[in-house]
Amino acid sequence: MSKQIKKFVSKESYKHSCAKDVLYNLLIEAEKENNNELYASVGQIKWRPNYGIFKELVFYNTSTGYYFETSKGLKEGLNGNIENQDEAFIENFDRGYPLFVPDITIFHKGMAIYFIEIINTNDVNDKKLNKIKSFAEREGYYPHIIKVKADDILNINIGDKIKKLKCEIIDL
């Protein structure tokens, strides 16, 4: 992760950071508990757990929608279920400049299909939304941007099965 991204992440509010961790853990738990079903789900978010869920996954100008399959600088022989994004890329490979960094990214059938943004005091700015939209248009697919309020995440009771997640889904 670049110094610029680390600096930004370190300035997140405690509430934003905790909500991101709670939602991330709920998503990871849903993948583990899917009992070999084809799909995992949390509320209305449904995906096929093959490439994982990532916090603060940096999308560079050399990244593609099939992030761990066709992005420039990937190591050879990767077969899904990547634990750490940096381990998937050749060390010291120049991946270009960062385009955007979603709070959480969910992959479905190899594609980054859900970009989740946690909202605390400020909404997702138009600049970031436009960068995601431009990336999607360049790649020829249309992921979903899901905005979830930090308070709504932190109000989820431990152990509750989430049937519907209170969120706003933006289809690009």
Foldseek 3Di string as FASTA:
>chain_A
DDPVLVVVVVPDDPLQVVLLVLVLVVQVVQQVPVVPDQWGDAAPDIAGQWADKDAFDFDAPQAAQLRLPRRPFADPDDGHPDDDPVVRGDPPDPSHGTLATARMFDDHPSGRAEREHEDEPDDDDPSSVVSLVVRCVVNVHKHKYKYAYSVQSVPDDPPDRHNHRPIDIDID
